[in-house]
Amino acid sequence: MAPLLPAFLAGLGIVAFVSQAPSAEIIAAGTPSAKPPSAETTRAETAPAAPEAGGPRRWELAGDAPLHRAASPEAPVLETLATGTVLHNLGCAKAAGPAWCQVQPLRSRTRGYVLAARLRPARAPDGSVPTGADDSPARARARDFDATGAVPCAQIRGQPLQTCTVGIARGTGGDATAIVTFPNGFKRVLSFAHASFIRGDATMSGVGYDTDWRLEDGIHVIRVDDQRYRIPDSLLFGR
């Protein structure tokens, strides 16, 4: 009898309102999809830890990404970094939007910001993923060396190679700090990360960033300012 009720009421001049269940189309249009967040979204919503807080020591780019001057997509782009680029982790932060990380390419002085979602912890050449701050600089300053030896060196431009002493404090993941002492007592600190030479410390000879480096037949051939060094990879990293 229910279907006859609207017609009966209409004959009496009464308008009947019949409730209907909303259609699937209306539900689909009006209700947001409850999709689980993607891995990229999840990474972007949290700020990864800095090395000092136990986070990865270095990042690797999971895809090409712009390096911004500030933590904003509107900030000027300093350069576009390629997939696989290894970056120093200088700390991450999250404000109202996605998390951004301050980074520095491995052998560059340029610092900038990349979306945290574009980054993944970098594997070192030995296959490990180093976390936490590198302790080799502090150990080298304290003369807590893992290895010592003698290496060819030259202090001034055009000088023949002579013999220097070296003390090496090894970190993890291809990190190390070497202190080279010349026959006249002059010392230079050489920093290595990811099994690569990074820079020398600042001295009266220069700021330590005017460098050349190559790995040749197991020897790190290094120039810092006017000085030259030849340090075996086996002595640096014990391998």
C-alpha atoms as a PDB file:
ATOM      1  CA  MET A   1       0.000   0.000   0.000  1.00  0.00           C
ATOM      2  CA  ALA A   2       2.919   2.358   0.513  1.00  0.00           C
ATOM      3  CA  PRO A   3       3.249   3.252  -3.241  1.00  0.00           C
ATOM      4  CA  LEU A   4      -0.432   4.452  -3.298  1.00  0.00           C
ATOM      5  CA  LEU A   5       0.087   6.952  -0.460  1.00  0.00           C
ATOM      6  CA  PRO A   6       1.676   9.791  -2.476  1.00  0.00           C
ATOM      7  CA  ALA A   7      -1.130   9.615  -5.111  1.00  0.00           C
ATOM      8  CA  PHE A   8      -3.856   9.614  -2.408  1.00  0.00           C
ATOM      9  CA  LEU A   9      -2.299  12.630  -0.677  1.00  0.00           C
ATOM     10  CA  ALA A  10      -1.917  14.470  -3.984  1.00  0.00           C
ATOM     11  CA  GLY A  11      -5.662  14.041  -4.565  1.00  0.00           C
ATOM     12  CA  LEU A  12      -6.267  15.860  -1.296  1.00  0.00           C
ATOM     13  CA  GLY A  13      -3.898  18.714  -2.319  1.00  0.00           C
ATOM     14  CA  ILE A  14      -1.145  17.615   0.006  1.00  0.00           C
ATOM     15  CA  VAL A  15       2.392  17.408  -1.302  1.00  0.00           C
ATOM     16  CA  ALA A  16       4.311  14.398  -0.042  1.00  0.00           C
ATOM     17  CA  PHE A  17       8.104  14.416   0.350  1.00  0.00           C
ATOM     18  CA  VAL A  18       9.615  10.969   0.024  1.00  0.00           C
ATOM     19  CA  SER A  19      13.085  10.463   1.430  1.00  0.00           C
ATOM     20  CA  GLN A  20      15.491   8.579  -0.838  1.00  0.00           C
ATOM     21  CA  ALA A  21      18.928   7.187  -0.128  1.00  0.00           C
ATOM     22  CA  PRO A  22      21.641   9.262  -1.827  1.00  0.00           C
ATOM     23  CA  SER A  23      22.984   7.710  -5.003  1.00  0.00           C
ATOM     24  CA  ALA A  24      26.449   6.234  -5.302  1.00  0.00           C
ATOM     25  CA  GLU A  25      27.329   9.150  -7.618  1.00  0.00           C
ATOM     26  CA  ILE A  26      26.449  11.705  -4.928  1.00  0.00           C
ATOM     27  CA  ILE A  27      28.456   9.830  -2.300  1.00  0.00           C
ATOM     28  CA  ALA A  28      31.458   9.606  -4.617  1.00  0.00           C
ATOM     29  CA  ALA A  29      31.271  13.307  -5.464  1.00  0.00           C
ATOM     30  CA  GLY A  30      30.711  14.592  -1.953  1.00  0.00           C
ATOM     31  CA  THR A  31      32.897  12.328   0.189  1.00  0.00           C
ATOM     32  CA  PRO A  32      36.731  12.584   0.047  1.00  0.00           C
ATOM     33  CA  SER A  33      38.525   9.369  -0.819  1.00  0.00           C
ATOM     34  CA  ALA A  34      40.070   7.702   2.221  1.00  0.00           C
ATOM     35  CA  LYS A  35      43.253   6.606   0.456  1.00  0.00           C
ATOM     36  CA  PRO A  36      46.161   5.714   2.713  1.00  0.00           C
ATOM     37  CA  PRO A  37      48.984   8.278   2.593  1.00  0.00           C
ATOM     38  CA  SER A  38      51.783   7.482   0.205  1.00  0.00           C
ATOM     39  CA  ALA A  39      55.326   6.925   1.446  1.00  0.00           C
ATOM     40  CA  GLU A  40      56.332  10.246  -0.114  1.00  0.00           C
ATOM     41  CA  THR A  41      53.521  12.081   1.722  1.00  0.00           C
ATOM     42  CA  THR A  42      54.456  10.427   5.010  1.00  0.00           C
ATOM     43  CA  ARG A  43      58.113  11.436   4.645  1.00  0.00           C
ATOM     44  CA  ALA A  44      57.092  14.971   3.757  1.00  0.00           C
ATOM     45  CA  GLU A  45      54.920  15.344   6.879  1.00  0.00           C
ATOM     46  CA  THR A  46      57.736  14.671   9.363  1.00  0.00           C
ATOM     47  CA  ALA A  47      61.106  16.343   9.757  1.00  0.00           C
ATOM     48  CA  PRO A  48      63.935  13.758   9.630  1.00  0.00           C
ATOM     49  CA  ALA A  49      66.548  13.918  12.366  1.00  0.00           C
ATOM     50  CA  ALA A  50      69.887  15.681  12.005  1.00  0.00           C
ATOM     51  CA  PRO A  51      73.079  13.617  12.472  1.00  0.00           C
ATOM     52  CA  GLU A  52      73.529  15.139  15.942  1.00  0.00           C
ATOM     53  CA  ALA A  53      70.157  13.586  16.870  1.00  0.00           C
ATOM     54  CA  GLY A  54      71.017  10.191  15.378  1.00  0.00           C
ATOM     55  CA  GLY A  55      69.793  10.874  11.843  1.00  0.00           C
ATOM     56  CA  PRO A  56      71.527   9.920   8.587  1.00  0.00           C
ATOM     57  CA  ARG A  57      74.885  11.606   8.117  1.00  0.00           C
ATOM     58  CA  ARG A  58      74.241  12.033   4.399  1.00  0.00           C
ATOM     59  CA  TRP A  59      71.313  11.969   1.984  1.00  0.00           C
ATOM     60  CA  GLU A  60      70.979  10.650  -1.533  1.00  0.00           C
ATOM     61  CA  LEU A  61      68.517  12.161  -4.005  1.00  0.00           C
ATOM     62  CA  ALA A  62      65.774   9.742  -5.035  1.00  0.00           C
ATOM     63  CA  GLY A  63      65.139  11.820  -8.181  1.00  0.00           C
ATOM     64  CA  ASP A  64      66.240  15.044  -9.853  1.00  0.00           C
ATOM     65  CA  ALA A  65      65.457  17.966  -7.547  1.00  0.00           C
ATOM     66  CA  PRO A  66      66.001  21.732  -7.376  1.00  0.00           C
ATOM     67  CA  LEU A  67      68.269  23.106  -4.654  1.00  0.00           C
ATOM     68  CA  HIS A  68      66.486  26.186  -3.282  1.00  0.00           C
ATOM     69  CA  ARG A  69      68.053  29.148  -1.499  1.00  0.00           C
ATOM     70  CA  ALA A  70      65.409  28.904   1.245  1.00  0.00           C
ATOM     71  CA  ALA A  71      62.890  26.325   2.447  1.00  0.00           C
ATOM     72  CA  SER A  72      60.156  27.304  -0.004  1.00  0.00           C
ATOM     73  CA  PRO A  73      59.184  26.253  -3.531  1.00  0.00           C
ATOM     74  CA  GLU A  74      59.079  29.970  -4.386  1.00  0.00           C
ATOM     75  CA  ALA A  75      62.694  30.541  -3.261  1.00  0.00           C
ATOM     76  CA  PRO A  76      65.316  30.990  -6.009  1.00  0.00           C
ATOM     77  CA  VAL A  77      66.800  27.777  -7.399  1.00  0.00           C
ATOM     78  CA  LEU A  78      70.563  27.600  -6.942  1.00  0.00           C
ATOM     79  CA  GLU A  79      70.976  24.545  -9.169  1.00  0.00           C
ATOM     80  CA  THR A  80      69.222  21.346 -10.190  1.00  0.00           C
ATOM     81  CA  LEU A  81      70.723  18.246  -8.582  1.00  0.00           C
ATOM     82  CA  ALA A  82      70.726  14.889 -10.357  1.00  0.00           C
ATOM     83  CA  THR A  83      69.332  11.605  -9.083  1.00  0.00           C
ATOM     84  CA  GLY A  84      71.842   9.860  -6.821  1.00  0.00           C
ATOM     85  CA  THR A  85      73.658  13.045  -5.737  1.00  0.00           C
ATOM     86  CA  VAL A  86      75.103  12.589  -2.235  1.00  0.00           C
ATOM     87  CA  LEU A  87      74.430  15.453   0.166  1.00  0.00           C
ATOM     88  CA  HIS A  88      75.533  16.347   3.675  1.00  0.00           C
ATOM     89  CA  ASN A  89      72.565  16.342   6.104  1.00  0.00           C
ATOM     90  CA  LEU A  90      72.586  19.781   7.765  1.00  0.00           C
ATOM     91  CA  GLY A  91      69.229  19.365   9.494  1.00  0.00           C
ATOM     92  CA  CYS A  92      65.534  19.355   8.586  1.00  0.00           C
ATOM     93  CA  ALA A  93      62.503  21.309   9.771  1.00  0.00           C
ATOM     94  CA  LYS A  94      58.763  21.356   9.191  1.00  0.00           C
ATOM     95  CA  ALA A  95      56.523  24.409   9.483  1.00  0.00           C
ATOM     96  CA  ALA A  96      52.960  24.597   8.135  1.00  0.00           C
ATOM     97  CA  GLY A  97      53.761  22.685   4.953  1.00  0.00           C
ATOM     98  CA  PRO A  98      56.031  19.784   4.043  1.00  0.00           C
ATOM     99  CA  ALA A  99      59.399  19.210   5.670  1.00  0.00           C
ATOM    100  CA  TRP A 100      62.525  20.707   4.098  1.00  0.00           C
ATOM    101  CA  CYS A 101      66.151  19.734   4.685  1.00  0.00           C
ATOM    102  CA  GLN A 102      69.206  21.937   4.505  1.00  0.00           C
ATOM    103  CA  VAL A 103      71.871  20.121   2.505  1.00  0.00           C
ATOM    104  CA  GLN A 104      75.284  20.580   0.930  1.00  0.00           C
ATOM    105  CA  PRO A 105      76.590  18.557  -2.020  1.00  0.00           C
ATOM    106  CA  LEU A 106      79.477  16.360  -0.975  1.00  0.00           C
ATOM    107  CA  ARG A 107      82.395  18.314  -2.459  1.00  0.00           C
ATOM    108  CA  SER A 108      80.728  21.721  -2.839  1.00  0.00           C
ATOM    109  CA  ARG A 109      80.532  24.852  -0.704  1.00  0.00           C
ATOM    110  CA  THR A 110      76.951  25.574  -1.810  1.00  0.00           C
ATOM    111  CA  ARG A 111      74.233  25.092   0.794  1.00  0.00           C
ATOM    112  CA  GLY A 112      70.525  25.053   0.115  1.00  0.00           C
ATOM    113  CA  TYR A 113      67.204  23.347   0.768  1.00  0.00           C
ATOM    114  CA  VAL A 114      65.503  20.284  -0.733  1.00  0.00           C
ATOM    115  CA  LEU A 115      62.103  18.789   0.059  1.00  0.00           C
ATOM    116  CA  ALA A 116      62.549  15.953   2.567  1.00  0.00           C
ATOM    117  CA  ALA A 117      60.319  13.745   0.402  1.00  0.00           C
ATOM    118  CA  ARG A 118      63.018  13.781  -2.311  1.00  0.00           C
ATOM    119  CA  LEU A 119      65.697  12.357  -0.006  1.00  0.00           C
ATOM    120  CA  ARG A 120      66.704   8.913   1.244  1.00  0.00           C
ATOM    121  CA  PRO A 121      69.583   7.918   3.570  1.00  0.00           C
ATOM    122  CA  ALA A 122      72.799   7.537   1.573  1.00  0.00           C
ATOM    123  CA  ARG A 123      74.724   4.285   1.565  1.00  0.00           C
ATOM    124  CA  ALA A 124      78.471   4.639   1.978  1.00  0.00           C
ATOM    125  CA  PRO A 125      80.871   2.945  -0.459  1.00  0.00           C
ATOM    126  CA  ASP A 126      81.239   0.093   2.050  1.00  0.00           C
ATOM    127  CA  GLY A 127      77.466  -0.502   1.968  1.00  0.00           C
ATOM    128  CA  SER A 128      76.724   0.928   5.419  1.00  0.00           C
ATOM    129  CA  VAL A 129      74.325   3.791   6.178  1.00  0.00           C
ATOM    130  CA  PRO A 130      76.236   6.012   8.622  1.00  0.00           C
ATOM    131  CA  THR A 131      74.126   7.780  11.235  1.00  0.00           C
ATOM    132  CA  GLY A 132      75.021  10.199  13.982  1.00  0.00           C
ATOM    133  CA  ALA A 133      77.730  12.827  13.873  1.00  0.00           C
ATOM    134  CA  ASP A 134      81.220  11.841  12.689  1.00  0.00           C
ATOM    135  CA  ASP A 135      83.513  11.648  15.729  1.00  0.00           C
ATOM    136  CA  SER A 136      86.787  11.493  13.787  1.00  0.00           C
ATOM    137  CA  PRO A 137      87.516  15.286  13.938  1.00  0.00           C
ATOM    138  CA  ALA A 138      87.302  15.346  17.742  1.00  0.00           C
ATOM    139  CA  ARG A 139      89.370  12.170  18.049  1.00  0.00           C
ATOM    140  CA  ALA A 140      92.022  13.560  15.698  1.00  0.00           C
ATOM    141  CA  ARG A 141      92.268  16.769  17.744  1.00  0.00           C
ATOM    142  CA  ALA A 142      92.742  14.604  20.847  1.00  0.00           C
ATOM    143  CA  ARG A 143      95.460  12.609  19.004  1.00  0.00           C
ATOM    144  CA  ASP A 144      93.338   9.466  19.380  1.00  0.00           C
ATOM    145  CA  PHE A 145      94.571   7.987  16.103  1.00  0.00           C
ATOM    146  CA  ASP A 146      93.660   4.648  14.551  1.00  0.00           C
ATOM    147  CA  ALA A 147      96.730   4.692  12.305  1.00  0.00           C
ATOM    148  CA  THR A 148      99.961   6.628  11.871  1.00  0.00           C
ATOM    149  CA  GLY A 149     102.564   6.590   9.143  1.00  0.00           C
ATOM    150  CA  ALA A 150     104.722   8.506   6.705  1.00  0.00           C
ATOM    151  CA  VAL A 151     103.431   9.936   3.407  1.00  0.00           C
ATOM    152  CA  PRO A 152     104.913  11.919   0.492  1.00  0.00           C
ATOM    153  CA  CYS A 153     104.172  15.643   0.706  1.00  0.00           C
ATOM    154  CA  ALA A 154     105.261  19.064  -0.507  1.00  0.00           C
ATOM    155  CA  GLN A 155     104.604  22.342   1.292  1.00  0.00           C
ATOM    156  CA  ILE A 156     105.196  24.949  -1.405  1.00  0.00           C
ATOM    157  CA  ARG A 157     104.596  25.096  -5.133  1.00  0.00           C
ATOM    158  CA  GLY A 158     107.331  23.416  -7.192  1.00  0.00           C
ATOM    159  CA  GLN A 159     108.958  21.740  -4.200  1.00  0.00           C
ATOM    160  CA  PRO A 160     109.991  18.089  -4.657  1.00  0.00           C
ATOM    161  CA  LEU A 161     108.045  15.591  -2.594  1.00  0.00           C
ATOM    162  CA  GLN A 162     109.454  14.982   0.870  1.00  0.00           C
ATOM    163  CA  THR A 163     108.231  12.883   3.796  1.00  0.00           C
ATOM    164  CA  CYS A 164     105.573  13.976   6.291  1.00  0.00           C
ATOM    165  CA  THR A 165     104.119  12.135   9.259  1.00  0.00           C
ATOM    166  CA  VAL A 166     100.370  11.556   9.412  1.00  0.00           C
ATOM    167  CA  GLY A 167      97.927  10.526  12.109  1.00  0.00           C
ATOM    168  CA  ILE A 168      94.491   9.273  11.082  1.00  0.00           C
ATOM    169  CA  ALA A 169      91.276   9.008  13.089  1.00  0.00           C
ATOM    170  CA  ARG A 170      88.735   6.835  11.283  1.00  0.00           C
ATOM    171  CA  GLY A 171      85.004   7.311  11.452  1.00  0.00           C
ATOM    172  CA  THR A 172      82.336   5.107   9.911  1.00  0.00           C
ATOM    173  CA  GLY A 173      80.935   5.083   6.389  1.00  0.00           C
ATOM    174  CA  GLY A 174      84.144   6.259   4.720  1.00  0.00           C
ATOM    175  CA  ASP A 175      84.769   9.231   7.045  1.00  0.00           C
ATOM    176  CA  ALA A 176      88.216  10.071   8.405  1.00  0.00           C
ATOM    177  CA  THR A 177      90.299  12.983   9.641  1.00  0.00           C
ATOM    178  CA  ALA A 178      94.045  13.122   8.951  1.00  0.00           C
ATOM    179  CA  ILE A 179      96.589  15.454  10.531  1.00  0.00           C
ATOM    180  CA  VAL A 180      99.700  15.804   8.382  1.00  0.00           C
ATOM    181  CA  THR A 181     102.871  17.254   9.934  1.00  0.00           C
ATOM    182  CA  PHE A 182     105.640  18.649   7.706  1.00  0.00           C
ATOM    183  CA  PRO A 183     109.349  18.428   8.654  1.00  0.00           C
ATOM    184  CA  ASN A 184     109.296  22.100   9.784  1.00  0.00           C
ATOM    185  CA  GLY A 185     106.374  21.426  12.169  1.00  0.00           C
ATOM    186  CA  PHE A 186     103.613  22.934  10.016  1.00  0.00           C
ATOM    187  CA  LYS A 187     100.365  20.932  10.350  1.00  0.00           C
ATOM    188  CA  ARG A 188      97.342  20.566   8.088  1.00  0.00           C
ATOM    189  CA  VAL A 189      94.054  18.833   8.857  1.00  0.00           C
ATOM    190  CA  LEU A 190      92.515  16.933   5.930  1.00  0.00           C
ATOM    191  CA  SER A 191      88.851  15.879   6.067  1.00  0.00           C
ATOM    192  CA  PHE A 192      87.342  12.886   4.274  1.00  0.00           C
ATOM    193  CA  ALA A 193      83.690  11.834   3.930  1.00  0.00           C
ATOM    194  CA  HIS A 194      82.010   9.085   1.927  1.00  0.00           C
ATOM    195  CA  ALA A 195      85.553   7.822   1.086  1.00  0.00           C
ATOM    196  CA  SER A 196      86.271  11.140  -0.700  1.00  0.00           C
ATOM    197  CA  PHE A 197      88.570  14.024   0.179  1.00  0.00           C
ATOM    198  CA  ILE A 198      86.460  17.039   1.172  1.00  0.00           C
ATOM    199  CA  ARG A 199      88.731  19.887   2.243  1.00  0.00           C
ATOM    200  CA  GLY A 200      91.652  21.066   4.350  1.00  0.00           C
ATOM    201  CA  ASP A 201      91.381  23.283   7.392  1.00  0.00           C
ATOM    202  CA  ALA A 202      91.991  27.034   7.194  1.00  0.00           C
ATOM    203  CA  THR A 203      95.597  28.069   7.803  1.00  0.00           C
ATOM    204  CA  MET A 204      97.862  30.943   6.799  1.00  0.00           C
ATOM    205  CA  SER A 205      98.323  29.028   3.535  1.00  0.00           C
ATOM    206  CA  GLY A 206      94.636  29.411   2.614  1.00  0.00           C
ATOM    207  CA  VAL A 207      91.066  28.598   3.589  1.00  0.00           C
ATOM    208  CA  GLY A 208      91.342  24.948   2.523  1.00  0.00           C
ATOM    209  CA  TYR A 209      88.772  24.932  -0.293  1.00  0.00           C
ATOM    210  CA  ASP A 210      91.178  25.516  -3.196  1.00  0.00           C
ATOM    211  CA  THR A 211      91.706  21.822  -3.833  1.00  0.00           C
ATOM    212  CA  ASP A 212      92.230  19.058  -6.370  1.00  0.00           C
ATOM    213  CA  TRP A 213      91.707  15.401  -5.580  1.00  0.00           C
ATOM    214  CA  ARG A 214      91.706  12.066  -7.345  1.00  0.00           C
ATOM    215  CA  LEU A 215      92.059   8.416  -6.348  1.00  0.00           C
ATOM    216  CA  GLU A 216      94.827   6.898  -8.434  1.00  0.00           C
ATOM    217  CA  ASP A 217      95.932   3.260  -8.006  1.00  0.00           C
ATOM    218  CA  GLY A 218      94.784   3.223  -4.392  1.00  0.00           C
ATOM    219  CA  ILE A 219      96.457   6.560  -3.574  1.00  0.00           C
ATOM    220  CA  HIS A 220      94.589   9.762  -2.674  1.00  0.00           C
ATOM    221  CA  VAL A 221      96.434  12.402  -4.689  1.00  0.00           C
ATOM    222  CA  ILE A 222      95.534  15.712  -3.038  1.00  0.00           C
ATOM    223  CA  ARG A 223      96.352  19.375  -3.507  1.00  0.00           C
ATOM    224  CA  VAL A 224      95.248  21.940  -0.919  1.00  0.00           C
ATOM    225  CA  ASP A 225      96.310  25.480  -1.813  1.00  0.00           C
ATOM    226  CA  ASP A 226     100.030  25.074  -2.680  1.00  0.00           C
ATOM    227  CA  GLN A 227     100.535  21.880  -0.693  1.00  0.00           C
ATOM    228  CA  ARG A 228     100.473  18.335  -2.090  1.00  0.00           C
ATOM    229  CA  TYR A 229      99.831  15.007  -0.400  1.00  0.00           C
ATOM    230  CA  ARG A 230      99.786  11.352  -1.435  1.00  0.00           C
ATOM    231  CA  ILE A 231      97.964   9.199   1.122  1.00  0.00           C
ATOM    232  CA  PRO A 232      97.243   5.472   0.601  1.00  0.00           C
ATOM    233  CA  ASP A 233      93.582   4.517   0.800  1.00  0.00           C
ATOM    234  CA  SER A 234      94.542   1.513   2.929  1.00  0.00           C
ATOM    235  CA  LEU A 235      96.161   3.801   5.514  1.00  0.00           C
ATOM    236  CA  LEU A 236      93.161   6.122   5.591  1.00  0.00           C
ATOM    237  CA  PHE A 237      90.428   3.538   5.918  1.00  0.00           C
ATOM    238  CA  GLY A 238      92.232   0.363   6.946  1.00  0.00           C
ATOM    239  CA  ARG A 239      91.172  -1.659   3.929  1.00  0.00           C
END
